PDB file of N, CA and C in Angstrom:
ATOM      1  N   MET A   1     181.716 129.595 250.487  1.00  0.00           N
ATOM      2  CA  MET A   1     180.519 128.742 250.410  1.00  0.00           C
ATOM      3  C   MET A   1     180.923 127.375 250.732  1.00  0.00           C
ATOM      4  N   ALA A   2     179.875 126.632 251.628  1.00  0.00           N
ATOM      5  CA  ALA A   2     180.308 124.909 252.335  1.00  0.00           C
ATOM      6  C   ALA A   2     180.415 124.572 251.075  1.00  0.00           C
ATOM      7  N   THR A   3     180.998 122.780 251.336  1.00  0.00           N
ATOM      8  CA  THR A   3     180.806 121.890 250.448  1.00  0.00           C
ATOM      9  C   THR A   3     180.306 120.783 250.832  1.00  0.00           C
ATOM     10  N   VAL A   4     178.665 121.212 250.120  1.00  0.00           N
ATOM     11  CA  VAL A   4     177.429 119.870 250.920  1.00  0.00           C
ATOM     12  C   VAL A   4     178.012 118.122 250.532  1.00  0.00           C
ATOM     13  N   ILE A   5     178.134 116.963 251.885  1.00  0.00           N
ATOM     14  CA  ILE A   5     178.291 116.069 251.410  1.00  0.00           C
ATOM     15  C   ILE A   5     177.073 115.783 252.078  1.00  0.00           C
ATOM     16  N   ARG A   6     176.565 114.464 251.487  1.00  0.00           N
ATOM     17  CA  ARG A   6     175.884 113.853 251.131  1.00  0.00           C
ATOM     18  C   ARG A   6     175.911 112.640 252.031  1.00  0.00           C
ATOM     19  N   ARG A   7     175.566 112.690 253.090  1.00  0.00           N
ATOM     20  CA  ARG A   7     176.657 110.694 254.225  1.00  0.00           C
ATOM     21  C   ARG A   7     175.903 111.401 255.899  1.00  0.00           C
ATOM     22  N   ASN A   8     175.631 109.770 256.326  1.00  0.00           N
ATOM     23  CA  ASN A   8     175.087 110.858 257.684  1.00  0.00           C
ATOM     24  C   ASN A   8     175.706 110.826 258.942  1.00  0.00           C
ATOM     25  N   PRO A   9     175.521 111.935 258.847  1.00  0.00           N
ATOM     26  CA  PRO A   9     176.353 113.100 260.258  1.00  0.00           C
ATOM     27  C   PRO A   9     177.563 112.200 261.408  1.00  0.00           C
ATOM     28  N   ALA A  10     176.465 111.607 262.360  1.00  0.00           N
ATOM     29  CA  ALA A  10     176.981 111.290 262.618  1.00  0.00           C
ATOM     30  C   ALA A  10     178.045 110.123 262.389  1.00  0.00           C
ATOM     31  N   LEU A  11     178.158 109.650 261.211  1.00  0.00           N
ATOM     32  CA  LEU A  11     178.950 108.658 261.270  1.00  0.00           C
ATOM     33  C   LEU A  11     180.317 109.007 260.677  1.00  0.00           C
ATOM     34  N   PHE A  12     180.004 110.414 260.209  1.00  0.00           N
ATOM     35  CA  PHE A  12     181.550 110.752 259.351  1.00  0.00           C
ATOM     36  C   PHE A  12     181.627 111.576 260.719  1.00  0.00           C
ATOM     37  N   LEU A  13     181.143 112.553 261.676  1.00  0.00           N
ATOM     38  CA  LEU A  13     181.860 112.826 262.693  1.00  0.00           C
ATOM     39  C   LEU A  13     183.026 112.178 263.439  1.00  0.00           C
ATOM     40  N   ARG A  14     182.051 110.749 263.647  1.00  0.00           N
ATOM     41  CA  ARG A  14     183.040 109.600 264.140  1.00  0.00           C
ATOM     42  C   ARG A  14     184.216 109.208 262.961  1.00  0.00           C
ATOM     43  N   GLU A  15     183.864 109.333 261.344  1.00  0.00           N
ATOM     44  CA  GLU A  15     185.282 109.697 260.615  1.00  0.00           C
ATOM     45  C   GLU A  15     186.858 110.017 261.020  1.00  0.00           C
ATOM     46  N   LEU A  16     186.065 111.353 261.659  1.00  0.00           N
ATOM     47  CA  LEU A  16     186.717 112.974 261.880  1.00  0.00           C
ATOM     48  C   LEU A  16     187.391 112.218 263.261  1.00  0.00           C
ATOM     49  N   LYS A  17     186.723 111.869 263.730  1.00  0.00           N
ATOM     50  CA  LYS A  17     187.496 112.281 265.805  1.00  0.00           C
ATOM     51  C   LYS A  17     188.655 111.233 265.419  1.00  0.00           C
ATOM     52  N   GLU A  18     189.116 110.467 264.968  1.00  0.00           N
ATOM     53  CA  GLU A  18     189.166 108.710 264.052  1.00  0.00           C
ATOM     54  C   GLU A  18     191.088 109.399 263.024  1.00  0.00           C
ATOM     55  N   TYR A  19     190.508 110.904 263.007  1.00  0.00           N
ATOM     56  CA  TYR A  19     192.351 111.664 262.055  1.00  0.00           C
ATOM     57  C   TYR A  19     192.925 112.532 263.126  1.00  0.00           C
ATOM     58  N   TYR A  20     191.369 112.884 263.355  1.00  0.00           N
ATOM     59  CA  TYR A  20     191.849 114.571 264.296  1.00  0.00           C
ATOM     60  C   TYR A  20     191.497 114.481 265.791  1.00  0.00           C
ATOM     61  N   ASP A  21     192.780 115.000 266.660  1.00  0.00           N
ATOM     62  CA  ASP A  21     192.525 114.443 268.236  1.00  0.00           C
ATOM     63  C   ASP A  21     191.109 115.541 268.622  1.00  0.00           C
ATOM     64  N   ASP A  22     191.188 116.533 267.781  1.00  0.00           N
ATOM     65  CA  ASP A  22     190.258 117.605 268.263  1.00  0.00           C
ATOM     66  C   ASP A  22     188.640 117.902 267.614  1.00  0.00           C
ATOM     67  N   VAL A  23     187.954 117.108 268.302  1.00  0.00           N
ATOM     68  CA  VAL A  23     187.066 117.308 267.634  1.00  0.00           C
ATOM     69  C   VAL A  23     185.051 118.172 268.635  1.00  0.00           C
ATOM     70  N   TRP A  24     185.230 119.266 268.532  1.00  0.00           N
ATOM     71  CA  TRP A  24     184.752 120.096 269.722  1.00  0.00           C
ATOM     72  C   TRP A  24     183.057 119.975 268.792  1.00  0.00           C
ATOM     73  N   LYS A  25     182.250 119.679 269.777  1.00  0.00           N
ATOM     74  CA  LYS A  25     180.882 120.552 269.439  1.00  0.00           C
ATOM     75  C   LYS A  25     180.401 121.995 269.805  1.00  0.00           C
ATOM     76  N   MET A  26     180.495 122.799 269.862  1.00  0.00           N
ATOM     77  CA  MET A  26     180.409 124.527 269.694  1.00  0.00           C
ATOM     78  C   MET A  26     178.930 124.956 269.273  1.00  0.00           C
ATOM     79  N   PRO A  27     177.931 125.075 269.522  1.00  0.00           N
ATOM     80  CA  PRO A  27     176.566 126.021 268.640  1.00  0.00           C
ATOM     81  C   PRO A  27     176.887 127.346 268.568  1.00  0.00           C
ATOM     82  N   GLY A  28     176.620 127.513 267.779  1.00  0.00           N
ATOM     83  CA  GLY A  28     176.510 128.687 268.219  1.00  0.00           C
ATOM     84  C   GLY A  28     178.366 129.805 267.132  1.00  0.00           C
ATOM     85  N   SER A  29     178.972 128.632 267.619  1.00  0.00           N
ATOM     86  CA  SER A  29     180.698 129.324 267.361  1.00  0.00           C
ATOM     87  C   SER A  29     180.539 130.261 266.395  1.00  0.00           C
ATOM     88  N   GLU A  30     181.790 131.396 266.207  1.00  0.00           N
ATOM     89  CA  GLU A  30     182.595 131.200 265.430  1.00  0.00           C
ATOM     90  C   GLU A  30     182.994 131.792 263.733  1.00  0.00           C
ATOM     91  N   TYR A  31     183.446 130.526 264.183  1.00  0.00           N
ATOM     92  CA  TYR A  31     183.462 129.371 263.134  1.00  0.00           C
ATOM     93  C   TYR A  31     183.024 128.737 262.332  1.00  0.00           C
ATOM     94  N   LEU A  32     181.490 128.387 262.769  1.00  0.00           N
ATOM     95  CA  LEU A  32     180.073 128.388 262.075  1.00  0.00           C
ATOM     96  C   LEU A  32     179.951 128.642 260.996  1.00  0.00           C
ATOM     97  N   LYS A  33     180.120 130.441 261.311  1.00  0.00           N
ATOM     98  CA  LYS A  33     179.108 131.475 260.598  1.00  0.00           C
ATOM     99  C   LYS A  33     178.975 130.838 259.174  1.00  0.00           C
ATOM    100  N   ASP A  34     180.696 130.443 258.546  1.00  0.00           N
ATOM    101  CA  ASP A  34     181.509 130.141 257.216  1.00  0.00           C
ATOM    102  C   ASP A  34     182.238 128.732 257.266  1.00  0.00           C
ATOM    103  N   PRO A  35     180.877 127.488 257.560  1.00  0.00           N
ATOM    104  CA  PRO A  35     181.397 126.388 257.647  1.00  0.00           C
ATOM    105  C   PRO A  35     182.316 125.617 256.025  1.00  0.00           C
ATOM    106  N   ASP A  36     183.131 124.748 256.669  1.00  0.00           N
ATOM    107  CA  ASP A  36     183.750 124.399 255.103  1.00  0.00           C
ATOM    108  C   ASP A  36     183.188 122.724 254.757  1.00  0.00           C
ATOM    109  N   PHE A  37     182.129 123.068 255.418  1.00  0.00           N
ATOM    110  CA  PHE A  37     181.636 121.339 255.074  1.00  0.00           C
ATOM    111  C   PHE A  37     180.072 121.346 256.166  1.00  0.00           C
ATOM    112  N   LEU A  38     179.111 121.305 254.922  1.00  0.00           N
ATOM    113  CA  LEU A  38     177.265 120.950 256.094  1.00  0.00           C
ATOM    114  C   LEU A  38     177.469 119.423 255.123  1.00  0.00           C
ATOM    115  N   VAL A  39     177.537 119.022 255.910  1.00  0.00           N
ATOM    116  CA  VAL A  39     176.602 117.441 255.622  1.00  0.00           C
ATOM    117  C   VAL A  39     175.937 117.233 255.857  1.00  0.00           C
ATOM    118  N   VAL A  40     174.765 116.308 254.829  1.00  0.00           N
ATOM    119  CA  VAL A  40     173.575 116.539 255.469  1.00  0.00           C
ATOM    120  C   VAL A  40     173.012 115.385 254.604  1.00  0.00           C
ATOM    121  N   ASP A  41     172.194 113.789 255.859  1.00  0.00           N
ATOM    122  CA  ASP A  41     172.047 112.774 254.897  1.00  0.00           C
ATOM    123  C   ASP A  41     170.094 112.961 254.447  1.00  0.00           C
ATOM    124  N   GLN A  42     170.736 113.215 253.883  1.00  0.00           N
ATOM    125  CA  GLN A  42     169.490 112.498 252.646  1.00  0.00           C
ATOM    126  C   GLN A  42     167.791 110.939 252.997  1.00  0.00           C
ATOM    127  N   LYS A  43     168.576 110.078 254.577  1.00  0.00           N
ATOM    128  CA  LYS A  43     167.421 109.521 254.513  1.00  0.00           C
ATOM    129  C   LYS A  43     166.053 109.941 255.310  1.00  0.00           C
ATOM    130  N   THR A  44     167.468 111.428 256.404  1.00  0.00           N
ATOM    131  CA  THR A  44     166.795 112.092 257.436  1.00  0.00           C
ATOM    132  C   THR A  44     166.599 113.623 257.103  1.00  0.00           C
ATOM    133  N   GLY A  45     167.794 114.111 256.839  1.00  0.00           N
ATOM    134  CA  GLY A  45     167.345 115.402 256.187  1.00  0.00           C
ATOM    135  C   GLY A  45     168.590 116.340 257.934  1.00  0.00           C
ATOM    136  N   LYS A  46     168.639 115.194 258.508  1.00  0.00           N
ATOM    137  CA  LYS A  46     169.587 116.137 260.167  1.00  0.00           C
ATOM    138  C   LYS A  46     170.979 116.350 259.296  1.00  0.00           C
ATOM    139  N   LYS A  47     171.424 117.838 259.161  1.00  0.00           N
ATOM    140  CA  LYS A  47     172.502 118.267 259.515  1.00  0.00           C
ATOM    141  C   LYS A  47     173.405 118.274 260.202  1.00  0.00           C
ATOM    142  N   ALA A  48     174.451 118.720 259.358  1.00  0.00           N
ATOM    143  CA  ALA A  48     175.725 119.501 260.623  1.00  0.00           C
ATOM    144  C   ALA A  48     176.390 120.107 259.855  1.00  0.00           C
ATOM    145  N   LYS A  49     177.429 121.307 260.602  1.00  0.00           N
ATOM    146  CA  LYS A  49     178.034 122.359 259.658  1.00  0.00           C
ATOM    147  C   LYS A  49     179.710 121.964 260.434  1.00  0.00           C
ATOM    148  N   VAL A  50     180.588 121.654 260.093  1.00  0.00           N
ATOM    149  CA  VAL A  50     181.772 121.324 260.271  1.00  0.00           C
ATOM    150  C   VAL A  50     183.207 122.346 259.312  1.00  0.00           C
ATOM    151  N   SER A  51     183.500 122.589 260.160  1.00  0.00           N
ATOM    152  CA  SER A  51     184.452 123.733 260.190  1.00  0.00           C
ATOM    153  C   SER A  51     186.383 123.900 261.152  1.00  0.00           C
ATOM    154  N   PHE A  52     187.088 123.414 260.111  1.00  0.00           N
ATOM    155  CA  PHE A  52     188.903 123.704 260.827  1.00  0.00           C
ATOM    156  C   PHE A  52     188.675 124.445 261.195  1.00  0.00           C
ATOM    157  N   VAL A  53     189.479 125.113 262.413  1.00  0.00           N
ATOM    158  CA  VAL A  53     190.298 125.806 262.998  1.00  0.00           C
ATOM    159  C   VAL A  53     191.552 125.637 262.774  1.00  0.00           C
ATOM    160  N   VAL A  54     191.755 126.084 261.828  1.00  0.00           N
ATOM    161  CA  VAL A  54     193.728 126.357 261.134  1.00  0.00           C
ATOM    162  C   VAL A  54     194.019 127.850 261.661  1.00  0.00           C
ATOM    163  N   LEU A  55     195.721 127.088 262.655  1.00  0.00           N
ATOM    164  CA  LEU A  55     196.157 128.560 262.764  1.00  0.00           C
ATOM    165  C   LEU A  55     197.247 128.761 261.344  1.00  0.00           C
ATOM    166  N   GLU A  56     197.555 130.407 261.610  1.00  0.00           N
ATOM    167  CA  GLU A  56     197.544 131.578 260.881  1.00  0.00           C
ATOM    168  C   GLU A  56     200.072 130.010 260.078  1.00  0.00           C
ATOM    169  N   ASP A  57     200.101 129.866 260.908  1.00  0.00           N
ATOM    170  CA  ASP A  57     200.832 128.697 259.780  1.00  0.00           C
ATOM    171  C   ASP A  57     200.784 128.005 259.330  1.00  0.00           C
ATOM    172  N   GLY A  58     199.296 127.407 259.514  1.00  0.00           N
ATOM    173  CA  GLY A  58     198.225 126.202 257.942  1.00  0.00           C
ATOM    174  C   GLY A  58     198.642 125.122 258.760  1.00  0.00           C
ATOM    175  N   GLU A  59     198.649 124.608 260.097  1.00  0.00           N
ATOM    176  CA  GLU A  59     198.385 123.784 261.001  1.00  0.00           C
ATOM    177  C   GLU A  59     196.797 123.403 261.201  1.00  0.00           C
ATOM    178  N   THR A  60     196.103 122.319 260.970  1.00  0.00           N
ATOM    179  CA  THR A  60     195.018 122.424 261.629  1.00  0.00           C
ATOM    180  C   THR A  60     195.351 122.280 263.184  1.00  0.00           C
ATOM    181  N   VAL A  61     194.719 122.488 263.430  1.00  0.00           N
ATOM    182  CA  VAL A  61     194.731 122.077 265.172  1.00  0.00           C
ATOM    183  C   VAL A  61     192.958 121.687 266.219  1.00  0.00           C
ATOM    184  N   SER A  62     192.389 121.846 265.191  1.00  0.00           N
ATOM    185  CA  SER A  62     190.994 121.400 265.671  1.00  0.00           C
ATOM    186  C   SER A  62     189.322 121.261 264.720  1.00  0.00           C
ATOM    187  N   VAL A  63     188.678 120.356 264.799  1.00  0.00           N
ATOM    188  CA  VAL A  63     187.316 120.540 263.919  1.00  0.00           C
ATOM    189  C   VAL A  63     186.826 120.744 265.054  1.00  0.00           C
ATOM    190  N   VAL A  64     185.771 122.442 264.633  1.00  0.00           N
ATOM    191  CA  VAL A  64     184.317 122.597 265.440  1.00  0.00           C
ATOM    192  C   VAL A  64     183.322 121.999 264.421  1.00  0.00           C
ATOM    193  N   TYR A  65     182.187 122.142 265.260  1.00  0.00           N
ATOM    194  CA  TYR A  65     181.205 120.855 264.439  1.00  0.00           C
ATOM    195  C   TYR A  65     179.413 121.385 265.322  1.00  0.00           C
ATOM    196  N   ASP A  66     178.529 121.758 264.603  1.00  0.00           N
ATOM    197  CA  ASP A  66     177.003 122.140 265.329  1.00  0.00           C
ATOM    198  C   ASP A  66     175.960 121.295 264.501  1.00  0.00           C
ATOM    199  N   GLU A  67     175.425 120.428 265.286  1.00  0.00           N
ATOM    200  CA  GLU A  67     174.522 119.203 264.321  1.00  0.00           C
ATOM    201  C   GLU A  67     173.343 120.147 264.853  1.00  0.00           C
ATOM    202  N   MET A  68     172.765 119.515 263.367  1.00  0.00           N
ATOM    203  CA  MET A  68     171.154 120.768 263.635  1.00  0.00           C
ATOM    204  C   MET A  68     170.105 119.611 263.000  1.00  0.00           C
ATOM    205  N   SER A  69     169.426 120.114 263.312  1.00  0.00           N
ATOM    206  CA  SER A  69     167.861 119.348 262.585  1.00  0.00           C
ATOM    207  C   SER A  69     167.319 119.553 260.930  1.00  0.00           C
TER     208      SER A  69
END
C-alpha cells in the first residue's frame, strides 16, 4: 500500500531531484504498479505516483514517477 503525501507533486519531485541523481518520468512502468508514494495536491487534485528502484544489495539507484491528473 502506497503512502499518501498531501503536497504539491511538482515541488515534491523537484526536491527529490536535489537528493537523487536519477529521477525518471516513466509512465506505465512496472515499478509504478505498486508505488511507494502517492503525492496528492489538495488544491488541484493533481496526483503523482513515485517509486524507488532498489538493487538486491539495498542501494537505491533511481526514482521513477508518473504524473496523473
